Amino acid sequence: MISLPIRNGVYRTAPGAARALARLSPGAVFYSRIPGVVWRAGAKAKHGHYDDQEWAHSSLTVVRALEAAGAQLDISGLDQVASAQGACVFIGNHMSTLETFVLPVLLLPYKRITFVVKQSLLDYPVFGHVMRSRDPIAVGRSNPREDLRAVLDGGAERLARGLSIIVFPQTTRTPRFDPAEFNTIGVKLASRANVPVIPIALKTDAWGNGRLLKDCGKFDPSKTIHIAFGPPLRITDRGADAHRTIVEFITTKLSQWGGTIAG
């Protein structure tokens, strides 16, 4: 499986990864590379030739594009992922498009994965082929009860097949983390399937959310990209303790990284 050079569960961008042009126009360096990644992946997925190896390769190409444009990645806790036995539920805050592109190359060496995604992503031209090939759980975001049923039923079935699930329990991508808007859907899924959860704290606002096109906001390489994985947690009782631990993990990490937390 294609992977990054991880040592003791940690990956950090090596000095000198940025291209010279990145000093003048980091956004141009980065965004000039992304359409080609998506186009090639979409073409392969459309014809049924996009497997986990191809997904990891696409994800690695995005990481290299980030670094070429001057971004610094600081990844930690992958040893926690390696220690988890069997399928699990990954639960994290959702800050930008970046995590959807970068998490595959981090996690696929350890787990087969998929995402809980908005139904609209499956309808995107080109990129929709990629997402559909990954066997995601699609939710409409208009009926919370139907979404809960889709995640619990679809997630339990996938977890039983050994497919780990990545859940972002927020209504939308935002650089500000609000614990009050961070629901318990991932914990409920893990409880039903009797699998562990692994918290993910993300500070990925280097790839900003755009006003007109949300996937293409300002690219700011001065903001370090932080991703941290916490220890696996088993769900007991109704999962309140696990949910509280996940929220505390995310808020603690964001505080250390200079992130914005509501409340």
C-alpha atoms as a PDB file:
ATOM      1  CA  MET A   1       0.000   0.000   0.000  1.00  0.00           C
ATOM      2  CA  ILE A   2       1.272   3.488  -0.894  1.00  0.00           C
ATOM      3  CA  SER A   3       2.048   5.483   2.239  1.00  0.00           C
ATOM      4  CA  LEU A   4       3.964   8.395   3.715  1.00  0.00           C
ATOM      5  CA  PRO A   5       7.218   7.837   5.611  1.00  0.00           C
ATOM      6  CA  ILE A   6       5.763   7.466   9.113  1.00  0.00           C
ATOM      7  CA  ARG A   7       8.081   7.129  12.118  1.00  0.00           C
ATOM      8  CA  ASN A   8       6.682   6.302  15.561  1.00  0.00           C
ATOM      9  CA  GLY A   9       3.234   7.286  14.376  1.00  0.00           C
ATOM     10  CA  VAL A  10       4.389  10.739  13.230  1.00  0.00           C
ATOM     11  CA  TYR A  11       4.826  12.454   9.879  1.00  0.00           C
ATOM     12  CA  ARG A  12       6.161  15.965   9.367  1.00  0.00           C
ATOM     13  CA  THR A  13       6.908  17.725   6.103  1.00  0.00           C
ATOM     14  CA  ALA A  14      10.618  17.679   5.335  1.00  0.00           C
ATOM     15  CA  PRO A  15      12.457  20.988   4.857  1.00  0.00           C
ATOM     16  CA  GLY A  16      12.776  22.128   1.263  1.00  0.00           C
ATOM     17  CA  ALA A  17       9.577  20.500  -0.020  1.00  0.00           C
ATOM     18  CA  ALA A  18       8.161  23.771  -1.371  1.00  0.00           C
ATOM     19  CA  ARG A  19       8.733  24.810  -4.988  1.00  0.00           C
ATOM     20  CA  ALA A  20      10.328  28.205  -5.673  1.00  0.00           C
ATOM     21  CA  LEU A  21       7.147  29.558  -7.298  1.00  0.00           C
ATOM     22  CA  ALA A  22       5.240  28.892  -4.059  1.00  0.00           C
ATOM     23  CA  ARG A  23       6.759  32.013  -2.527  1.00  0.00           C
ATOM     24  CA  LEU A  24       5.101  34.157  -5.191  1.00  0.00           C
ATOM     25  CA  SER A  25       1.760  32.385  -5.589  1.00  0.00           C
ATOM     26  CA  PRO A  26       1.142  29.376  -3.330  1.00  0.00           C
ATOM     27  CA  GLY A  27      -2.519  29.164  -4.342  1.00  0.00           C
ATOM     28  CA  ALA A  28      -1.613  28.943  -8.028  1.00  0.00           C
ATOM     29  CA  VAL A  29       0.923  26.179  -7.344  1.00  0.00           C
ATOM     30  CA  PHE A  30      -1.588  24.192  -5.335  1.00  0.00           C
ATOM     31  CA  TYR A  31      -4.761  24.643  -7.355  1.00  0.00           C
ATOM     32  CA  SER A  32      -2.981  24.022 -10.645  1.00  0.00           C
ATOM     33  CA  ARG A  33      -2.368  20.433  -9.518  1.00  0.00           C
ATOM     34  CA  ILE A  34      -5.700  19.447  -7.970  1.00  0.00           C
ATOM     35  CA  PRO A  35      -7.925  19.295 -11.098  1.00  0.00           C
ATOM     36  CA  GLY A  36      -5.588  16.749 -12.689  1.00  0.00           C
ATOM     37  CA  VAL A  37      -5.711  14.551  -9.583  1.00  0.00           C
ATOM     38  CA  VAL A  38      -9.507  14.610  -9.533  1.00  0.00           C
ATOM     39  CA  TRP A  39      -9.829  14.108 -13.300  1.00  0.00           C
ATOM     40  CA  ARG A  40      -7.550  11.055 -13.387  1.00  0.00           C
ATOM     41  CA  ALA A  41      -9.223   9.529 -10.337  1.00  0.00           C
ATOM     42  CA  GLY A  42     -12.698  10.171 -11.734  1.00  0.00           C
ATOM     43  CA  ALA A  43     -11.852   8.587 -15.086  1.00  0.00           C
ATOM     44  CA  LYS A  44     -10.547   5.438 -13.410  1.00  0.00           C
ATOM     45  CA  ALA A  45     -13.484   5.255 -11.005  1.00  0.00           C
ATOM     46  CA  LYS A  46     -15.995   5.673 -13.832  1.00  0.00           C
ATOM     47  CA  HIS A  47     -14.611   2.544 -15.484  1.00  0.00           C
ATOM     48  CA  GLY A  48     -14.328   0.541 -12.261  1.00  0.00           C
ATOM     49  CA  HIS A  49     -10.548   0.783 -11.937  1.00  0.00           C
ATOM     50  CA  TYR A  50     -10.257   2.833  -8.758  1.00  0.00           C
ATOM     51  CA  ASP A  51      -9.338   0.666  -5.784  1.00  0.00           C
ATOM     52  CA  ASP A  52      -7.765   1.447  -2.407  1.00  0.00           C
ATOM     53  CA  GLN A  53      -4.271   1.527  -3.920  1.00  0.00           C
ATOM     54  CA  GLU A  54      -5.367   4.121  -6.478  1.00  0.00           C
ATOM     55  CA  TRP A  55      -7.147   6.101  -3.759  1.00  0.00           C
ATOM     56  CA  ALA A  56      -4.010   6.161  -1.622  1.00  0.00           C
ATOM     57  CA  HIS A  57      -1.991   7.295  -4.647  1.00  0.00           C
ATOM     58  CA  SER A  58      -4.404  10.168  -5.358  1.00  0.00           C
ATOM     59  CA  SER A  59      -4.293  11.182  -1.700  1.00  0.00           C
ATOM     60  CA  LEU A  60      -0.496  11.118  -1.653  1.00  0.00           C
ATOM     61  CA  THR A  61      -0.431  13.307  -4.769  1.00  0.00           C
ATOM     62  CA  VAL A  62      -2.562  15.885  -2.939  1.00  0.00           C
ATOM     63  CA  VAL A  63      -0.185  15.794   0.037  1.00  0.00           C
ATOM     64  CA  ARG A  64       2.739  16.443  -2.303  1.00  0.00           C
ATOM     65  CA  ALA A  65       0.799  19.296  -3.941  1.00  0.00           C
ATOM     66  CA  LEU A  66       0.205  20.859  -0.517  1.00  0.00           C
ATOM     67  CA  GLU A  67       3.887  20.609   0.339  1.00  0.00           C
ATOM     68  CA  ALA A  68       5.015  21.887  -3.067  1.00  0.00           C
ATOM     69  CA  ALA A  69       2.852  24.970  -2.452  1.00  0.00           C
ATOM     70  CA  GLY A  70       4.603  25.597   0.865  1.00  0.00           C
ATOM     71  CA  ALA A  71       2.276  23.930   3.381  1.00  0.00           C
ATOM     72  CA  GLN A  72       3.717  22.122   6.388  1.00  0.00           C
ATOM     73  CA  LEU A  73       2.023  18.940   7.629  1.00  0.00           C
ATOM     74  CA  ASP A  74       2.261  17.787  11.238  1.00  0.00           C
ATOM     75  CA  ILE A  75       0.603  14.373  11.650  1.00  0.00           C
ATOM     76  CA  SER A  76       0.656  12.422  14.926  1.00  0.00           C
ATOM     77  CA  GLY A  77      -1.002   9.432  16.565  1.00  0.00           C
ATOM     78  CA  LEU A  78      -0.923   6.987  13.676  1.00  0.00           C
ATOM     79  CA  ASP A  79       0.516   4.459  16.121  1.00  0.00           C
ATOM     80  CA  GLN A  80      -2.900   4.621  17.829  1.00  0.00           C
ATOM     81  CA  VAL A  81      -4.541   3.646  14.537  1.00  0.00           C
ATOM     82  CA  ALA A  82      -2.100   0.781  14.090  1.00  0.00           C
ATOM     83  CA  SER A  83      -2.907  -0.512  17.583  1.00  0.00           C
ATOM     84  CA  ALA A  84      -6.676  -0.736  16.994  1.00  0.00           C
ATOM     85  CA  GLN A  85      -7.885  -4.239  16.206  1.00  0.00           C
ATOM     86  CA  GLY A  86     -10.414  -4.644  13.424  1.00  0.00           C
ATOM     87  CA  ALA A  87     -12.763  -2.049  11.976  1.00  0.00           C
ATOM     88  CA  CYS A  88     -13.506   1.130  13.894  1.00  0.00           C
ATOM     89  CA  VAL A  89     -15.283   4.487  13.680  1.00  0.00           C
ATOM     90  CA  PHE A  90     -13.114   7.572  13.220  1.00  0.00           C
ATOM     91  CA  ILE A  91     -14.748  10.719  14.623  1.00  0.00           C
ATOM     92  CA  GLY A  92     -13.350  14.175  13.930  1.00  0.00           C
ATOM     93  CA  ASN A  93     -14.118  17.838  13.464  1.00  0.00           C
ATOM     94  CA  HIS A  94     -14.603  18.980   9.879  1.00  0.00           C
ATOM     95  CA  MET A  95     -12.672  22.127   8.984  1.00  0.00           C
ATOM     96  CA  SER A  96     -12.082  22.049   5.221  1.00  0.00           C
ATOM     97  CA  THR A  97     -11.987  19.975   2.046  1.00  0.00           C
ATOM     98  CA  LEU A  98      -8.422  19.004   2.883  1.00  0.00           C
ATOM     99  CA  GLU A  99      -9.201  16.140   5.263  1.00  0.00           C
ATOM    100  CA  THR A 100     -11.311  14.337   2.661  1.00  0.00           C
ATOM    101  CA  PHE A 101      -8.312  14.299   0.330  1.00  0.00           C
ATOM    102  CA  VAL A 102      -5.516  13.643   2.851  1.00  0.00           C
ATOM    103  CA  LEU A 103      -6.961  11.107   5.310  1.00  0.00           C
ATOM    104  CA  PRO A 104      -6.945   8.190   2.815  1.00  0.00           C
ATOM    105  CA  VAL A 105      -3.143   8.030   2.472  1.00  0.00           C
ATOM    106  CA  LEU A 106      -2.812   8.230   6.260  1.00  0.00           C
ATOM    107  CA  LEU A 107      -5.352   5.530   7.110  1.00  0.00           C
ATOM    108  CA  LEU A 108      -5.404   3.044   4.225  1.00  0.00           C
ATOM    109  CA  PRO A 109      -2.089   1.424   5.224  1.00  0.00           C
ATOM    110  CA  TYR A 110      -3.871   0.352   8.444  1.00  0.00           C
ATOM    111  CA  LYS A 111      -7.608   0.142   7.698  1.00  0.00           C
ATOM    112  CA  ARG A 112      -9.999  -0.133   4.804  1.00  0.00           C
ATOM    113  CA  ILE A 113     -12.075   3.030   5.107  1.00  0.00           C
ATOM    114  CA  THR A 114     -14.990   5.000   3.776  1.00  0.00           C
ATOM    115  CA  PHE A 115     -16.766   8.245   4.686  1.00  0.00           C
ATOM    116  CA  VAL A 116     -20.187   9.425   5.720  1.00  0.00           C
ATOM    117  CA  VAL A 117     -20.807  12.080   3.039  1.00  0.00           C
ATOM    118  CA  LYS A 118     -23.474  14.459   1.818  1.00  0.00           C
ATOM    119  CA  GLN A 119     -25.580  12.991  -0.963  1.00  0.00           C
ATOM    120  CA  SER A 120     -24.709  16.019  -3.107  1.00  0.00           C
ATOM    121  CA  LEU A 121     -21.047  14.931  -3.263  1.00  0.00           C
ATOM    122  CA  LEU A 122     -22.089  11.802  -5.136  1.00  0.00           C
ATOM    123  CA  ASP A 123     -23.748  14.003  -7.759  1.00  0.00           C
ATOM    124  CA  TYR A 124     -20.624  16.070  -8.481  1.00  0.00           C
ATOM    125  CA  PRO A 125     -19.277  15.710 -12.019  1.00  0.00           C
ATOM    126  CA  VAL A 126     -16.067  13.604 -12.101  1.00  0.00           C
ATOM    127  CA  PHE A 127     -15.516  13.630  -8.310  1.00  0.00           C
ATOM    128  CA  GLY A 128     -18.853  11.889  -7.819  1.00  0.00           C
ATOM    129  CA  HIS A 129     -17.465   8.804  -9.579  1.00  0.00           C
ATOM    130  CA  VAL A 130     -14.613   8.702  -7.057  1.00  0.00           C
ATOM    131  CA  MET A 131     -16.877   8.977  -4.038  1.00  0.00           C
ATOM    132  CA  ARG A 132     -19.354   6.383  -5.276  1.00  0.00           C
ATOM    133  CA  SER A 133     -16.506   3.918  -5.850  1.00  0.00           C
ATOM    134  CA  ARG A 134     -15.585   4.143  -2.149  1.00  0.00           C
ATOM    135  CA  ASP A 135     -18.877   2.644  -0.898  1.00  0.00           C
ATOM    136  CA  PRO A 136     -19.757   5.711   1.219  1.00  0.00           C
ATOM    137  CA  ILE A 137     -22.764   6.268   3.439  1.00  0.00           C
ATOM    138  CA  ALA A 138     -24.761   9.121   1.905  1.00  0.00           C
ATOM    139  CA  VAL A 139     -26.965  11.442   3.963  1.00  0.00           C
ATOM    140  CA  GLY A 140     -29.271  14.169   2.709  1.00  0.00           C
ATOM    141  CA  ARG A 141     -28.943  16.561   5.665  1.00  0.00           C
ATOM    142  CA  SER A 142     -32.626  17.520   5.319  1.00  0.00           C
ATOM    143  CA  ASN A 143     -34.132  14.817   7.570  1.00  0.00           C
ATOM    144  CA  PRO A 144     -32.037  14.071  10.691  1.00  0.00           C
ATOM    145  CA  ARG A 145     -34.033  10.940  11.520  1.00  0.00           C
ATOM    146  CA  GLU A 146     -33.477   9.438   8.061  1.00  0.00           C
ATOM    147  CA  ASP A 147     -29.799  10.381   8.194  1.00  0.00           C
ATOM    148  CA  LEU A 148     -29.404   8.672  11.576  1.00  0.00           C
ATOM    149  CA  ARG A 149     -31.030   5.517  10.231  1.00  0.00           C
ATOM    150  CA  ALA A 150     -28.810   5.557   7.124  1.00  0.00           C
ATOM    151  CA  VAL A 151     -25.650   5.917   9.212  1.00  0.00           C
ATOM    152  CA  LEU A 152     -26.588   3.323  11.833  1.00  0.00           C
ATOM    153  CA  ASP A 153     -27.848   0.699   9.383  1.00  0.00           C
ATOM    154  CA  GLY A 154     -25.370   1.330   6.585  1.00  0.00           C
ATOM    155  CA  GLY A 155     -22.468   1.848   8.951  1.00  0.00           C
ATOM    156  CA  ALA A 156     -23.114  -1.332  10.936  1.00  0.00           C
ATOM    157  CA  GLU A 157     -23.269  -3.353   7.720  1.00  0.00           C
ATOM    158  CA  ARG A 158     -19.979  -1.909   6.458  1.00  0.00           C
ATOM    159  CA  LEU A 159     -18.229  -2.308   9.804  1.00  0.00           C
ATOM    160  CA  ALA A 160     -19.283  -5.969   9.857  1.00  0.00           C
ATOM    161  CA  ARG A 161     -17.488  -6.310   6.515  1.00  0.00           C
ATOM    162  CA  GLY A 162     -14.326  -4.840   8.009  1.00  0.00           C
ATOM    163  CA  LEU A 163     -14.755  -1.372   6.524  1.00  0.00           C
ATOM    164  CA  SER A 164     -13.963   1.444   8.971  1.00  0.00           C
ATOM    165  CA  ILE A 165     -16.124   4.583   8.875  1.00  0.00           C
ATOM    166  CA  ILE A 166     -15.008   8.229   9.034  1.00  0.00           C
ATOM    167  CA  VAL A 167     -17.674  10.506  10.523  1.00  0.00           C
ATOM    168  CA  PHE A 168     -17.660  14.303  10.828  1.00  0.00           C
ATOM    169  CA  PRO A 169     -20.542  15.006  13.263  1.00  0.00           C
ATOM    170  CA  GLN A 170     -21.015  18.652  12.274  1.00  0.00           C
ATOM    171  CA  THR A 171     -23.571  20.255  10.015  1.00  0.00           C
ATOM    172  CA  THR A 172     -20.934  21.839   7.786  1.00  0.00           C
ATOM    173  CA  ARG A 173     -17.231  22.535   7.344  1.00  0.00           C
ATOM    174  CA  THR A 174     -16.059  25.394   9.537  1.00  0.00           C
ATOM    175  CA  PRO A 175     -12.728  26.668  10.926  1.00  0.00           C
ATOM    176  CA  ARG A 176     -14.400  27.186  14.321  1.00  0.00           C
ATOM    177  CA  PHE A 177     -15.066  24.138  16.480  1.00  0.00           C
ATOM    178  CA  ASP A 178     -18.333  24.292  18.412  1.00  0.00           C
ATOM    179  CA  PRO A 179     -18.819  21.347  20.815  1.00  0.00           C
ATOM    180  CA  ALA A 180     -22.552  22.120  20.992  1.00  0.00           C
ATOM    181  CA  GLU A 181     -22.885  21.351  17.271  1.00  0.00           C
ATOM    182  CA  PHE A 182     -20.828  18.152  17.478  1.00  0.00           C
ATOM    183  CA  ASN A 183     -23.443  15.397  17.644  1.00  0.00           C
ATOM    184  CA  THR A 184     -23.155  11.804  18.878  1.00  0.00           C
ATOM    185  CA  ILE A 185     -23.959   9.966  15.641  1.00  0.00           C
ATOM    186  CA  GLY A 186     -20.492   8.382  15.409  1.00  0.00           C
ATOM    187  CA  VAL A 187     -20.608   7.173  19.003  1.00  0.00           C
ATOM    188  CA  LYS A 188     -24.066   5.691  18.425  1.00  0.00           C
ATOM    189  CA  LEU A 189     -22.799   3.832  15.361  1.00  0.00           C
ATOM    190  CA  ALA A 190     -19.796   2.431  17.241  1.00  0.00           C
ATOM    191  CA  SER A 191     -22.056   1.346  20.093  1.00  0.00           C
ATOM    192  CA  ARG A 192     -24.445  -0.461  17.759  1.00  0.00           C
ATOM    193  CA  ALA A 193     -21.618  -2.219  15.904  1.00  0.00           C
ATOM    194  CA  ASN A 194     -19.589  -2.875  19.086  1.00  0.00           C
ATOM    195  CA  VAL A 195     -16.392  -1.405  17.630  1.00  0.00           C
ATOM    196  CA  PRO A 196     -13.955   1.163  19.042  1.00  0.00           C
ATOM    197  CA  VAL A 197     -13.870   4.824  18.112  1.00  0.00           C
ATOM    198  CA  ILE A 198     -10.709   6.792  17.327  1.00  0.00           C
ATOM    199  CA  PRO A 199     -10.865  10.584  17.768  1.00  0.00           C
ATOM    200  CA  ILE A 200      -9.340  12.819  15.095  1.00  0.00           C
ATOM    201  CA  ALA A 201      -8.429  16.445  15.763  1.00  0.00           C
ATOM    202  CA  LEU A 202      -7.976  18.495  12.595  1.00  0.00           C
ATOM    203  CA  LYS A 203      -6.684  21.983  11.905  1.00  0.00           C
ATOM    204  CA  THR A 204      -6.771  22.186   8.135  1.00  0.00           C
ATOM    205  CA  ASP A 205      -7.672  25.816   7.459  1.00  0.00           C
ATOM    206  CA  ALA A 206      -4.607  26.218   5.242  1.00  0.00           C
ATOM    207  CA  TRP A 207      -7.085  25.100   2.541  1.00  0.00           C
ATOM    208  CA  GLY A 208      -9.784  27.673   3.146  1.00  0.00           C
ATOM    209  CA  ASN A 209     -13.492  27.451   2.424  1.00  0.00           C
ATOM    210  CA  GLY A 210     -14.477  29.715  -0.460  1.00  0.00           C
ATOM    211  CA  ARG A 211     -17.444  32.090  -0.537  1.00  0.00           C
ATOM    212  CA  LEU A 212     -18.646  31.286  -4.055  1.00  0.00           C
ATOM    213  CA  LEU A 213     -17.153  27.809  -4.426  1.00  0.00           C
ATOM    214  CA  LYS A 214     -16.668  26.308  -0.990  1.00  0.00           C
ATOM    215  CA  ASP A 215     -14.091  23.734  -2.139  1.00  0.00           C
ATOM    216  CA  CYS A 216     -11.773  26.431  -3.526  1.00  0.00           C
ATOM    217  CA  GLY A 217     -11.054  28.985  -0.840  1.00  0.00           C
ATOM    218  CA  LYS A 218      -7.861  30.863  -0.092  1.00  0.00           C
ATOM    219  CA  PHE A 219      -4.766  28.686   0.248  1.00  0.00           C
ATOM    220  CA  ASP A 220      -2.552  29.887   3.098  1.00  0.00           C
ATOM    221  CA  PRO A 221       0.665  27.878   3.630  1.00  0.00           C
ATOM    222  CA  SER A 222       1.544  29.931   6.708  1.00  0.00           C
ATOM    223  CA  LYS A 223      -1.060  27.846   8.591  1.00  0.00           C
ATOM    224  CA  THR A 224       0.427  24.481   9.575  1.00  0.00           C
ATOM    225  CA  ILE A 225      -1.804  21.520   8.768  1.00  0.00           C
ATOM    226  CA  HIS A 226      -2.305  19.547  11.977  1.00  0.00           C
ATOM    227  CA  ILE A 227      -3.930  16.109  12.187  1.00  0.00           C
ATOM    228  CA  ALA A 228      -3.814  14.064  15.404  1.00  0.00           C
ATOM    229  CA  PHE A 229      -5.341  10.667  16.191  1.00  0.00           C
ATOM    230  CA  GLY A 230      -6.282   9.775  19.743  1.00  0.00           C
ATOM    231  CA  PRO A 231      -6.307   6.431  21.570  1.00  0.00           C
ATOM    232  CA  PRO A 232      -9.063   3.947  20.636  1.00  0.00           C
ATOM    233  CA  LEU A 233     -12.085   4.155  22.918  1.00  0.00           C
ATOM    234  CA  ARG A 234     -14.639   1.484  23.731  1.00  0.00           C
ATOM    235  CA  ILE A 235     -18.242   2.617  24.126  1.00  0.00           C
ATOM    236  CA  THR A 236     -19.880   1.890  27.458  1.00  0.00           C
ATOM    237  CA  ASP A 237     -23.420   2.603  28.604  1.00  0.00           C
ATOM    238  CA  ARG A 238     -24.908   5.249  26.303  1.00  0.00           C
ATOM    239  CA  GLY A 239     -21.541   6.597  25.154  1.00  0.00           C
ATOM    240  CA  ALA A 240     -21.622   9.901  27.039  1.00  0.00           C
ATOM    241  CA  ASP A 241     -18.130   9.386  28.468  1.00  0.00           C
ATOM    242  CA  ALA A 242     -16.670   8.499  25.058  1.00  0.00           C
ATOM    243  CA  HIS A 243     -18.305  11.517  23.424  1.00  0.00           C
ATOM    244  CA  ARG A 244     -16.963  13.796  26.145  1.00  0.00           C
ATOM    245  CA  THR A 245     -13.466  12.325  25.719  1.00  0.00           C
ATOM    246  CA  ILE A 246     -13.572  12.893  21.953  1.00  0.00           C
ATOM    247  CA  VAL A 247     -14.655  16.517  22.364  1.00  0.00           C
ATOM    248  CA  GLU A 248     -11.962  17.104  25.000  1.00  0.00           C
ATOM    249  CA  PHE A 249      -9.313  15.580  22.715  1.00  0.00           C
ATOM    250  CA  ILE A 250     -10.293  17.860  19.824  1.00  0.00           C
ATOM    251  CA  THR A 251     -10.573  21.037  21.926  1.00  0.00           C
ATOM    252  CA  THR A 252      -7.245  20.357  23.674  1.00  0.00           C
ATOM    253  CA  LYS A 253      -5.420  19.856  20.384  1.00  0.00           C
ATOM    254  CA  LEU A 254      -7.027  22.880  18.737  1.00  0.00           C
ATOM    255  CA  SER A 255      -6.061  25.002  21.738  1.00  0.00           C
ATOM    256  CA  GLN A 256      -2.464  23.841  21.414  1.00  0.00           C
ATOM    257  CA  TRP A 257      -2.493  24.647  17.691  1.00  0.00           C
ATOM    258  CA  GLY A 258      -4.096  28.072  17.995  1.00  0.00           C
ATOM    259  CA  GLY A 259      -7.464  27.013  16.614  1.00  0.00           C
ATOM    260  CA  THR A 260     -10.805  28.712  17.252  1.00  0.00           C
ATOM    261  CA  ILE A 261     -13.247  27.119  19.713  1.00  0.00           C
ATOM    262  CA  ALA A 262     -16.761  28.366  20.419  1.00  0.00           C
ATOM    263  CA  GLY A 263     -17.989  28.971  23.921  1.00  0.00           C
END
